[in-house]
C-alpha atoms as a PDB file:
ATOM      1  CA  MET A   1     117.350 211.739  92.375  1.00  0.00           C
ATOM      2  CA  ASP A   2     115.252 213.913  94.220  1.00  0.00           C
ATOM      3  CA  GLN A   3     112.508 215.522  92.372  1.00  0.00           C
ATOM      4  CA  THR A   4     109.535 217.552  93.310  1.00  0.00           C
ATOM      5  CA  VAL A   5     106.237 215.012  91.595  1.00  0.00           C
ATOM      6  CA  PHE A   6     103.433 216.630  90.041  1.00  0.00           C
ATOM      7  CA  GLU A   7      99.842 215.436  88.706  1.00  0.00           C
ATOM      8  CA  ILE A   8      97.764 217.438  87.047  1.00  0.00           C
ATOM      9  CA  ILE A   9      93.979 216.937  86.933  1.00  0.00           C
ATOM     10  CA  SER A  10      91.880 218.429  84.096  1.00  0.00           C
ATOM     11  CA  VAL A  11      88.119 218.635  84.566  1.00  0.00           C
ATOM     12  CA  GLY A  12      85.506 219.098  82.494  1.00  0.00           C
ATOM     13  CA  ASN A  13      82.765 217.196  80.335  1.00  0.00           C
ATOM     14  CA  GLU A  14      83.522 218.930  77.369  1.00  0.00           C
ATOM     15  CA  LEU A  15      87.359 217.540  77.545  1.00  0.00           C
ATOM     16  CA  LEU A  16      85.739 214.226  77.196  1.00  0.00           C
ATOM     17  CA  ILE A  17      83.158 215.169  74.196  1.00  0.00           C
ATOM     18  CA  GLY A  18      85.530 216.509  72.187  1.00  0.00           C
ATOM     19  CA  ARG A  19      84.376 219.745  72.392  1.00  0.00           C
ATOM     20  CA  VAL A  20      87.367 221.538  73.557  1.00  0.00           C
ATOM     21  CA  GLU A  21      90.988 220.888  73.045  1.00  0.00           C
ATOM     22  CA  ASN A  22      93.147 220.155  76.067  1.00  0.00           C
ATOM     23  CA  THR A  23      95.853 223.113  75.384  1.00  0.00           C
ATOM     24  CA  ASN A  24      96.015 224.063  79.384  1.00  0.00           C
ATOM     25  CA  LEU A  25      97.511 219.888  80.157  1.00  0.00           C
ATOM     26  CA  HIS A  26     100.187 220.899  77.421  1.00  0.00           C
ATOM     27  CA  TRP A  27     100.866 224.206  78.328  1.00  0.00           C
ATOM     28  CA  LEU A  28     101.251 223.369  82.010  1.00  0.00           C
ATOM     29  CA  VAL A  29     103.582 219.989  81.714  1.00  0.00           C
ATOM     30  CA  THR A  30     106.032 222.102  79.566  1.00  0.00           C
ATOM     31  CA  GLN A  31     106.143 225.013  82.242  1.00  0.00           C
ATOM     32  CA  ILE A  32     106.360 222.343  85.288  1.00  0.00           C
ATOM     33  CA  THR A  33     109.282 220.608  83.284  1.00  0.00           C
ATOM     34  CA  ILE A  34     111.029 223.444  81.866  1.00  0.00           C
ATOM     35  CA  MET A  35     110.714 224.436  85.794  1.00  0.00           C
ATOM     36  CA  GLY A  36     111.993 221.167  86.763  1.00  0.00           C
ATOM     37  CA  GLY A  37     109.440 219.473  88.155  1.00  0.00           C
ATOM     38  CA  PHE A  38     108.431 216.074  87.228  1.00  0.00           C
ATOM     39  CA  VAL A  39     104.911 215.142  85.746  1.00  0.00           C
ATOM     40  CA  ARG A  40     104.124 211.792  87.125  1.00  0.00           C
ATOM     41  CA  ARG A  41     100.397 211.397  85.676  1.00  0.00           C
ATOM     42  CA  ALA A  42      97.898 213.050  83.964  1.00  0.00           C
ATOM     43  CA  VAL A  43      93.893 212.714  84.168  1.00  0.00           C
ATOM     44  CA  THR A  44      90.831 214.019  82.479  1.00  0.00           C
ATOM     45  CA  ILE A  45      87.868 213.776  84.190  1.00  0.00           C
ATOM     46  CA  ARG A  46      83.726 214.685  84.106  1.00  0.00           C
ATOM     47  CA  ASP A  47      82.035 217.579  86.230  1.00  0.00           C
ATOM     48  CA  ASP A  48      81.314 214.552  89.063  1.00  0.00           C
ATOM     49  CA  LEU A  49      82.076 215.133  92.614  1.00  0.00           C
ATOM     50  CA  SER A  50      82.477 211.263  93.392  1.00  0.00           C
ATOM     51  CA  GLU A  51      84.999 211.272  90.488  1.00  0.00           C
ATOM     52  CA  ILE A  52      86.647 214.490  91.285  1.00  0.00           C
ATOM     53  CA  SER A  53      87.140 213.430  95.139  1.00  0.00           C
ATOM     54  CA  THR A  54      88.142 209.975  94.310  1.00  0.00           C
ATOM     55  CA  VAL A  55      90.563 210.836  91.607  1.00  0.00           C
ATOM     56  CA  LEU A  56      92.236 213.605  94.292  1.00  0.00           C
ATOM     57  CA  ARG A  57      92.276 210.652  97.140  1.00  0.00           C
ATOM     58  CA  ASP A  58      94.081 208.888  94.577  1.00  0.00           C
ATOM     59  CA  SER A  59      96.938 211.011  93.700  1.00  0.00           C
ATOM     60  CA  ILE A  60      97.685 212.681  97.493  1.00  0.00           C
ATOM     61  CA  GLY A  61      97.727 208.841  98.398  1.00  0.00           C
ATOM     62  CA  ARG A  62     100.919 208.414  96.184  1.00  0.00           C
ATOM     63  CA  GLY A  63     102.404 210.951  98.208  1.00  0.00           C
ATOM     64  CA  THR A  64     102.140 213.403  95.477  1.00  0.00           C
ATOM     65  CA  ASP A  65     103.942 217.043  96.050  1.00  0.00           C
ATOM     66  CA  TRP A  66     102.084 219.104  94.006  1.00  0.00           C
ATOM     67  CA  VAL A  67      98.223 218.503  92.134  1.00  0.00           C
ATOM     68  CA  VAL A  68      97.666 220.486  89.585  1.00  0.00           C
ATOM     69  CA  MET A  69      93.735 220.486  89.029  1.00  0.00           C
ATOM     70  CA  SER A  70      92.267 222.834  85.958  1.00  0.00           C
ATOM     71  CA  GLY A  71      88.576 223.804  85.328  1.00  0.00           C
ATOM     72  CA  GLY A  72      85.427 223.713  87.352  1.00  0.00           C
ATOM     73  CA  LEU A  73      85.856 226.991  89.202  1.00  0.00           C
ATOM     74  CA  GLY A  74      83.001 229.273  87.852  1.00  0.00           C
ATOM     75  CA  PRO A  75      79.550 229.872  88.935  1.00  0.00           C
ATOM     76  CA  THR A  76      77.442 227.575  86.965  1.00  0.00           C
ATOM     77  CA  TYR A  77      76.081 224.506  88.566  1.00  0.00           C
ATOM     78  CA  ASP A  78      78.664 222.289  86.922  1.00  0.00           C
ATOM     79  CA  ASP A  79      81.446 224.239  88.173  1.00  0.00           C
ATOM     80  CA  MET A  80      82.503 221.653  91.356  1.00  0.00           C
ATOM     81  CA  THR A  81      85.814 220.997  91.483  1.00  0.00           C
ATOM     82  CA  LEU A  82      86.309 222.861  94.670  1.00  0.00           C
ATOM     83  CA  GLN A  83      83.279 220.601  96.448  1.00  0.00           C
ATOM     84  CA  GLY A  84      84.798 217.902  94.867  1.00  0.00           C
ATOM     85  CA  VAL A  85      88.499 218.831  96.878  1.00  0.00           C
ATOM     86  CA  ALA A  86      86.007 219.546 100.004  1.00  0.00           C
ATOM     87  CA  LEU A  87      84.789 216.163  99.537  1.00  0.00           C
ATOM     88  CA  ALA A  88      87.940 214.541  99.456  1.00  0.00           C
ATOM     89  CA  LEU A  89      89.485 216.449 102.168  1.00  0.00           C
ATOM     90  CA  ARG A  90      86.668 215.895 104.272  1.00  0.00           C
ATOM     91  CA  ARG A  91      86.528 219.172 104.755  1.00  0.00           C
ATOM     92  CA  GLU A  92      83.660 222.252 105.015  1.00  0.00           C
ATOM     93  CA  MET A  93      83.023 224.776 102.205  1.00  0.00           C
ATOM     94  CA  GLU A  94      83.094 228.409 103.566  1.00  0.00           C
ATOM     95  CA  VAL A  95      83.187 231.920 102.191  1.00  0.00           C
ATOM     96  CA  ASN A  96      86.584 232.881 102.176  1.00  0.00           C
ATOM     97  CA  GLU A  97      86.965 236.843 102.803  1.00  0.00           C
ATOM     98  CA  ASP A  98      90.008 237.080 100.991  1.00  0.00           C
ATOM     99  CA  ALA A  99      88.510 235.632  98.251  1.00  0.00           C
ATOM    100  CA  VAL A 100      85.619 237.853  98.218  1.00  0.00           C
ATOM    101  CA  SER A 101      87.837 240.842  98.305  1.00  0.00           C
ATOM    102  CA  MET A 102      89.739 240.310  95.203  1.00  0.00           C
ATOM    103  CA  MET A 103      86.602 239.464  93.510  1.00  0.00           C
ATOM    104  CA  LYS A 104      85.009 242.823  94.653  1.00  0.00           C
ATOM    105  CA  ARG A 105      88.257 244.465  93.281  1.00  0.00           C
ATOM    106  CA  ARG A 106      87.570 242.895  89.980  1.00  0.00           C
ATOM    107  CA  TYR A 107      83.951 243.559  89.973  1.00  0.00           C
ATOM    108  CA  GLU A 108      84.702 247.018  90.799  1.00  0.00           C
ATOM    109  CA  SER A 109      87.062 247.613  87.716  1.00  0.00           C
ATOM    110  CA  LEU A 110      84.975 246.135  85.373  1.00  0.00           C
ATOM    111  CA  VAL A 111      82.067 248.348  86.136  1.00  0.00           C
ATOM    112  CA  ALA A 112      84.436 251.193  86.229  1.00  0.00           C
ATOM    113  CA  GLN A 113      85.142 250.178  82.677  1.00  0.00           C
ATOM    114  CA  GLY A 114      81.885 249.637  81.746  1.00  0.00           C
ATOM    115  CA  VAL A 115      81.734 245.900  81.369  1.00  0.00           C
ATOM    116  CA  LEU A 116      79.293 245.050  84.473  1.00  0.00           C
ATOM    117  CA  SER A 117      76.731 247.425  85.709  1.00  0.00           C
ATOM    118  CA  ASP A 118      77.217 246.543  89.231  1.00  0.00           C
ATOM    119  CA  TYR A 119      79.522 244.708  91.688  1.00  0.00           C
ATOM    120  CA  ALA A 120      77.277 243.427  94.018  1.00  0.00           C
ATOM    121  CA  MET A 121      78.215 240.045  95.184  1.00  0.00           C
ATOM    122  CA  THR A 122      75.492 237.786  94.379  1.00  0.00           C
ATOM    123  CA  PRO A 123      74.464 234.155  94.919  1.00  0.00           C
ATOM    124  CA  ALA A 124      76.552 232.796  91.954  1.00  0.00           C
ATOM    125  CA  ARG A 125      79.712 234.865  92.518  1.00  0.00           C
ATOM    126  CA  VAL A 126      79.683 234.183  96.062  1.00  0.00           C
ATOM    127  CA  LYS A 127      79.810 230.924  95.002  1.00  0.00           C
ATOM    128  CA  MET A 128      83.054 231.312  93.261  1.00  0.00           C
ATOM    129  CA  ALA A 129      84.857 232.652  96.735  1.00  0.00           C
ATOM    130  CA  THR A 130      83.398 229.816  98.633  1.00  0.00           C
ATOM    131  CA  LEU A 131      86.345 227.530  99.223  1.00  0.00           C
ATOM    132  CA  PRO A 132      87.239 224.704 101.176  1.00  0.00           C
ATOM    133  CA  ARG A 133      88.678 225.540 104.887  1.00  0.00           C
ATOM    134  CA  GLY A 134      92.125 226.580 105.036  1.00  0.00           C
ATOM    135  CA  SER A 135      92.687 227.432 101.203  1.00  0.00           C
ATOM    136  CA  VAL A 136      94.368 230.366 100.084  1.00  0.00           C
ATOM    137  CA  PRO A 137      92.699 232.210  97.352  1.00  0.00           C
ATOM    138  CA  LEU A 138      95.206 233.134  94.289  1.00  0.00           C
ATOM    139  CA  ARG A 139      94.645 236.304  92.345  1.00  0.00           C
ATOM    140  CA  ASN A 140      93.047 236.029  89.059  1.00  0.00           C
ATOM    141  CA  SER A 141      94.054 238.984  86.833  1.00  0.00           C
ATOM    142  CA  GLN A 142      92.207 238.058  83.940  1.00  0.00           C
ATOM    143  CA  GLY A 143      88.358 236.704  85.670  1.00  0.00           C
ATOM    144  CA  SER A 144      86.480 236.519  88.450  1.00  0.00           C
ATOM    145  CA  ALA A 145      86.930 233.223  89.947  1.00  0.00           C
ATOM    146  CA  PRO A 146      90.222 233.381  91.491  1.00  0.00           C
ATOM    147  CA  GLY A 147      92.621 230.476  92.074  1.00  0.00           C
ATOM    148  CA  VAL A 148      92.638 227.929  95.149  1.00  0.00           C
ATOM    149  CA  LEU A 149      95.657 226.951  97.182  1.00  0.00           C
ATOM    150  CA  VAL A 150      95.358 224.287 100.243  1.00  0.00           C
ATOM    151  CA  THR A 151      97.906 221.954 101.532  1.00  0.00           C
ATOM    152  CA  GLU A 152      96.514 218.536 103.028  1.00  0.00           C
ATOM    153  CA  GLY A 153     100.057 216.540 104.753  1.00  0.00           C
ATOM    154  CA  LYS A 154     102.694 216.700 101.801  1.00  0.00           C
ATOM    155  CA  SER A 155     100.360 217.247  99.072  1.00  0.00           C
ATOM    156  CA  SER A 156      99.240 221.146  98.101  1.00  0.00           C
ATOM    157  CA  ILE A 157      96.461 221.023  95.582  1.00  0.00           C
ATOM    158  CA  VAL A 158      96.223 223.859  93.518  1.00  0.00           C
ATOM    159  CA  CYS A 159      92.738 224.636  91.630  1.00  0.00           C
ATOM    160  CA  LEU A 160      93.208 226.610  88.612  1.00  0.00           C
ATOM    161  CA  PRO A 161      90.660 228.077  86.323  1.00  0.00           C
ATOM    162  CA  GLY A 162      89.633 226.054  82.922  1.00  0.00           C
ATOM    163  CA  VAL A 163      89.707 229.426  80.773  1.00  0.00           C
ATOM    164  CA  PRO A 164      93.740 229.167  78.939  1.00  0.00           C
ATOM    165  CA  LYS A 165      94.217 233.118  79.964  1.00  0.00           C
ATOM    166  CA  GLU A 166      93.101 232.995  83.820  1.00  0.00           C
ATOM    167  CA  MET A 167      95.103 229.591  84.001  1.00  0.00           C
ATOM    168  CA  LYS A 168      98.162 231.053  82.828  1.00  0.00           C
ATOM    169  CA  ALA A 169      98.079 234.211  84.614  1.00  0.00           C
ATOM    170  CA  ILE A 170      97.612 233.051  88.097  1.00  0.00           C
ATOM    171  CA  PHE A 171      99.991 230.158  87.348  1.00  0.00           C
ATOM    172  CA  ALA A 172     102.612 232.746  86.247  1.00  0.00           C
ATOM    173  CA  GLU A 173     101.835 235.710  88.593  1.00  0.00           C
ATOM    174  CA  SER A 174     100.235 233.643  92.001  1.00  0.00           C
ATOM    175  CA  LEU A 175     101.298 230.159  91.826  1.00  0.00           C
ATOM    176  CA  MET A 176     105.380 230.643  90.880  1.00  0.00           C
ATOM    177  CA  PRO A 177     106.005 232.497  94.165  1.00  0.00           C
ATOM    178  CA  PHE A 178     104.999 229.325  95.648  1.00  0.00           C
ATOM    179  CA  LEU A 179     106.900 226.983  93.683  1.00  0.00           C
ATOM    180  CA  GLU A 180     110.023 228.685  93.255  1.00  0.00           C
ATOM    181  CA  LYS A 181     109.948 227.781  97.356  1.00  0.00           C
ATOM    182  CA  ASN A 182     109.159 224.525  97.022  1.00  0.00           C
ATOM    183  CA  VAL A 183     110.076 222.734  93.900  1.00  0.00           C
ATOM    184  CA  ILE A 184     113.446 220.860  93.986  1.00  0.00           C
ATOM    185  CA  ARG A 185     114.925 222.702  90.548  1.00  0.00           C
ATOM    186  CA  LEU A 186     116.026 220.044  87.930  1.00  0.00           C
ATOM    187  CA  HIS A 187     117.731 221.810  84.980  1.00  0.00           C
ATOM    188  CA  SER A 188     116.722 219.859  81.753  1.00  0.00           C
ATOM    189  CA  TYR A 189     118.760 219.637  78.372  1.00  0.00           C
ATOM    190  CA  SER A 190     117.613 218.254  75.029  1.00  0.00           C
ATOM    191  CA  VAL A 191     118.704 216.750  72.103  1.00  0.00           C
ATOM    192  CA  THR A 192     116.761 216.481  68.565  1.00  0.00           C
ATOM    193  CA  LEU A 193     117.611 214.145  66.001  1.00  0.00           C
ATOM    194  CA  PHE A 194     115.857 214.608  62.753  1.00  0.00           C
ATOM    195  CA  VAL A 195     116.748 211.231  60.573  1.00  0.00           C
ATOM    196  CA  SER A 196     115.987 209.737  57.861  1.00  0.00           C
ATOM    197  CA  ARG A 197     116.563 206.879  55.606  1.00  0.00           C
ATOM    198  CA  ILE A 198     116.132 204.413  58.969  1.00  0.00           C
ATOM    199  CA  VAL A 199     112.860 202.735  60.435  1.00  0.00           C
ATOM    200  CA  GLU A 200     112.087 201.941  64.101  1.00  0.00           C
ATOM    201  CA  SER A 201     112.390 198.191  64.072  1.00  0.00           C
ATOM    202  CA  VAL A 202     116.257 198.806  63.085  1.00  0.00           C
ATOM    203  CA  LEU A 203     116.334 201.903  65.190  1.00  0.00           C
ATOM    204  CA  SER A 204     115.090 200.129  68.071  1.00  0.00           C
ATOM    205  CA  PRO A 205     118.317 198.198  69.351  1.00  0.00           C
ATOM    206  CA  LEU A 206     120.456 201.644  68.825  1.00  0.00           C
ATOM    207  CA  LEU A 207     118.388 203.307  71.195  1.00  0.00           C
ATOM    208  CA  ASP A 208     118.846 200.358  73.758  1.00  0.00           C
ATOM    209  CA  GLU A 209     122.612 200.527  73.012  1.00  0.00           C
ATOM    210  CA  VAL A 210     122.368 204.562  74.034  1.00  0.00           C
ATOM    211  CA  LEU A 211     120.121 203.997  77.243  1.00  0.00           C
ATOM    212  CA  LYS A 212     122.650 201.399  78.371  1.00  0.00           C
ATOM    213  CA  SER A 213     125.653 203.845  78.071  1.00  0.00           C
ATOM    214  CA  TYR A 214     123.081 206.841  79.655  1.00  0.00           C
ATOM    215  CA  PRO A 215     120.279 205.229  81.994  1.00  0.00           C
ATOM    216  CA  ALA A 216     119.969 209.114  83.151  1.00  0.00           C
ATOM    217  CA  VAL A 217     118.421 210.138  79.402  1.00  0.00           C
ATOM    218  CA  TYR A 218     114.983 210.274  78.649  1.00  0.00           C
ATOM    219  CA  VAL A 219     114.957 208.949  74.707  1.00  0.00           C
ATOM    220  CA  LYS A 220     112.091 208.580  72.163  1.00  0.00           C
ATOM    221  CA  SER A 221     111.380 208.134  68.631  1.00  0.00           C
ATOM    222  CA  HIS A 222     109.157 209.759  66.986  1.00  0.00           C
ATOM    223  CA  PRO A 223     108.412 208.308  63.395  1.00  0.00           C
ATOM    224  CA  LYS A 224     107.035 210.736  60.896  1.00  0.00           C
ATOM    225  CA  GLY A 225     106.101 208.860  58.424  1.00  0.00           C
ATOM    226  CA  VAL A 226     107.773 208.606  54.707  1.00  0.00           C
ATOM    227  CA  GLU A 227     108.324 211.503  52.373  1.00  0.00           C
ATOM    228  CA  ASP A 228     108.817 210.943  48.586  1.00  0.00           C
ATOM    229  CA  GLY A 229     109.882 207.400  49.426  1.00  0.00           C
ATOM    230  CA  VAL A 230     112.265 207.934  52.114  1.00  0.00           C
ATOM    231  CA  SER A 231     111.423 207.387  56.052  1.00  0.00           C
ATOM    232  CA  LYS A 232     111.449 210.089  58.741  1.00  0.00           C
ATOM    233  CA  ILE A 233     112.043 209.940  62.504  1.00  0.00           C
ATOM    234  CA  GLN A 234     112.314 212.434  64.933  1.00  0.00           C
ATOM    235  CA  ILE A 235     114.327 211.430  68.288  1.00  0.00           C
ATOM    236  CA  HIS A 236     114.234 213.123  71.088  1.00  0.00           C
ATOM    237  CA  LEU A 237     116.921 213.075  74.356  1.00  0.00           C
ATOM    238  CA  MET A 238     116.542 214.689  77.183  1.00  0.00           C
ATOM    239  CA  CYS A 239     118.368 214.416  80.617  1.00  0.00           C
ATOM    240  CA  SER A 240     117.450 216.371  83.723  1.00  0.00           C
ATOM    241  CA  MET A 241     119.656 216.872  86.966  1.00  0.00           C
ATOM    242  CA  ALA A 242     120.386 219.151  89.823  1.00  0.00           C
ATOM    243  CA  ASP A 243     123.345 220.120  87.858  1.00  0.00           C
ATOM    244  CA  GLY A 244     122.907 221.737  84.725  1.00  0.00           C
ATOM    245  CA  VAL A 245     126.408 221.286  83.392  1.00  0.00           C
ATOM    246  CA  GLU A 246     125.980 217.369  83.405  1.00  0.00           C
ATOM    247  CA  SER A 247     122.417 216.866  82.259  1.00  0.00           C
ATOM    248  CA  LYS A 248     123.521 219.169  79.070  1.00  0.00           C
ATOM    249  CA  ARG A 249     127.016 216.975  78.882  1.00  0.00           C
ATOM    250  CA  ARG A 250     124.820 214.117  78.971  1.00  0.00           C
ATOM    251  CA  ALA A 251     122.152 214.536  76.548  1.00  0.00           C
ATOM    252  CA  VAL A 252     125.033 215.910  74.050  1.00  0.00           C
ATOM    253  CA  ALA A 253     127.268 212.621  74.604  1.00  0.00           C
ATOM    254  CA  ALA A 254     124.541 210.720  74.135  1.00  0.00           C
ATOM    255  CA  GLY A 255     123.312 212.193  70.907  1.00  0.00           C
ATOM    256  CA  LYS A 256     126.564 211.662  69.352  1.00  0.00           C
ATOM    257  CA  MET A 257     126.616 208.105  70.248  1.00  0.00           C
ATOM    258  CA  LEU A 258     122.963 208.042  68.445  1.00  0.00           C
ATOM    259  CA  SER A 259     124.172 209.973  65.690  1.00  0.00           C
ATOM    260  CA  SER A 260     127.394 207.699  65.163  1.00  0.00           C
ATOM    261  CA  LEU A 261     125.209 204.419  65.684  1.00  0.00           C
ATOM    262  CA  ILE A 262     122.316 205.490  62.882  1.00  0.00           C
ATOM    263  CA  ALA A 263     124.966 206.742  60.364  1.00  0.00           C
ATOM    264  CA  GLY A 264     126.792 202.922  60.815  1.00  0.00           C
ATOM    265  CA  ALA A 265     122.979 201.574  60.413  1.00  0.00           C
ATOM    266  CA  LYS A 266     122.959 203.610  56.970  1.00  0.00           C
ATOM    267  CA  GLY A 267     120.736 206.396  58.191  1.00  0.00           C
ATOM    268  CA  VAL A 268     121.022 209.785  58.080  1.00  0.00           C
ATOM    269  CA  VAL A 269     121.181 212.555  60.961  1.00  0.00           C
ATOM    270  CA  ASP A 270     119.925 215.681  58.601  1.00  0.00           C
ATOM    271  CA  ARG A 271     119.910 217.976  61.288  1.00  0.00           C
ATOM    272  CA  VAL A 272     120.377 218.526  65.132  1.00  0.00           C
ATOM    273  CA  GLU A 273     118.552 220.917  67.509  1.00  0.00           C
ATOM    274  CA  GLU A 274     119.423 221.276  71.005  1.00  0.00           C
ATOM    275  CA  ALA A 275     117.608 223.482  73.735  1.00  0.00           C
ATOM    276  CA  VAL A 276     117.787 224.150  77.429  1.00  0.00           C
ATOM    277  CA  GLY A 277     114.383 223.095  79.055  1.00  0.00           C
ATOM    278  CA  GLN A 278     112.120 220.755  77.865  1.00  0.00           C
ATOM    279  CA  GLY A 279     112.881 221.735  73.907  1.00  0.00           C
END
């Protein structure tokens, strides 16, 4: 099945010392899955030039269509994602005039609002407009540092800020037009079963039966522990295909088959939820 493959690289020491929860990753994989992309891998790394460049080169080497990086675009010494990208691609860093123009307009607006006293392009600000050669800056309506889009062979590398509202704004407003033209859209449909009075060891062979009949359906069980002496499990089934009608048909049919098998094993399906997308 043809699909557009994504990998996500989260950059930031704060993510690896427990200082900040990586909510950006959850948001990104959700958006990408809903639009029909396939997230193959996600990694979290430190603010380290060697690590950034090595992980990016590995991702490109796997033939990844879109590498989405978040974090490390700011003005401080430890914001080094773009330098890492340049190192990985063996490109020079250069001041991008389109990025400078975007930032000047942003600073002029902040001065007009009384947030800043001046809009001079200081060295720290110029740093945020210094991009790997051949990059396209992406407008950031919620902050100063622009996003960055650069291509290398068949891979497109997108660098987004780590600040969630800025990351989301660039993704929605500036990146989506590129993705809509290039992503092979798969239509996902999900069915979630809320099950009780059955444990995973009994459920496992039932899942195997469903997978044999519906190999295109992703099935994952999520134990929820015991409540008032009764075991609880959620089971997520999702099918992604180019044909949205067929993806729904298979997901629903697999859900019905599993429900029947669970009933035969003396389990109880308390309720079923269906949703377009990730669910």
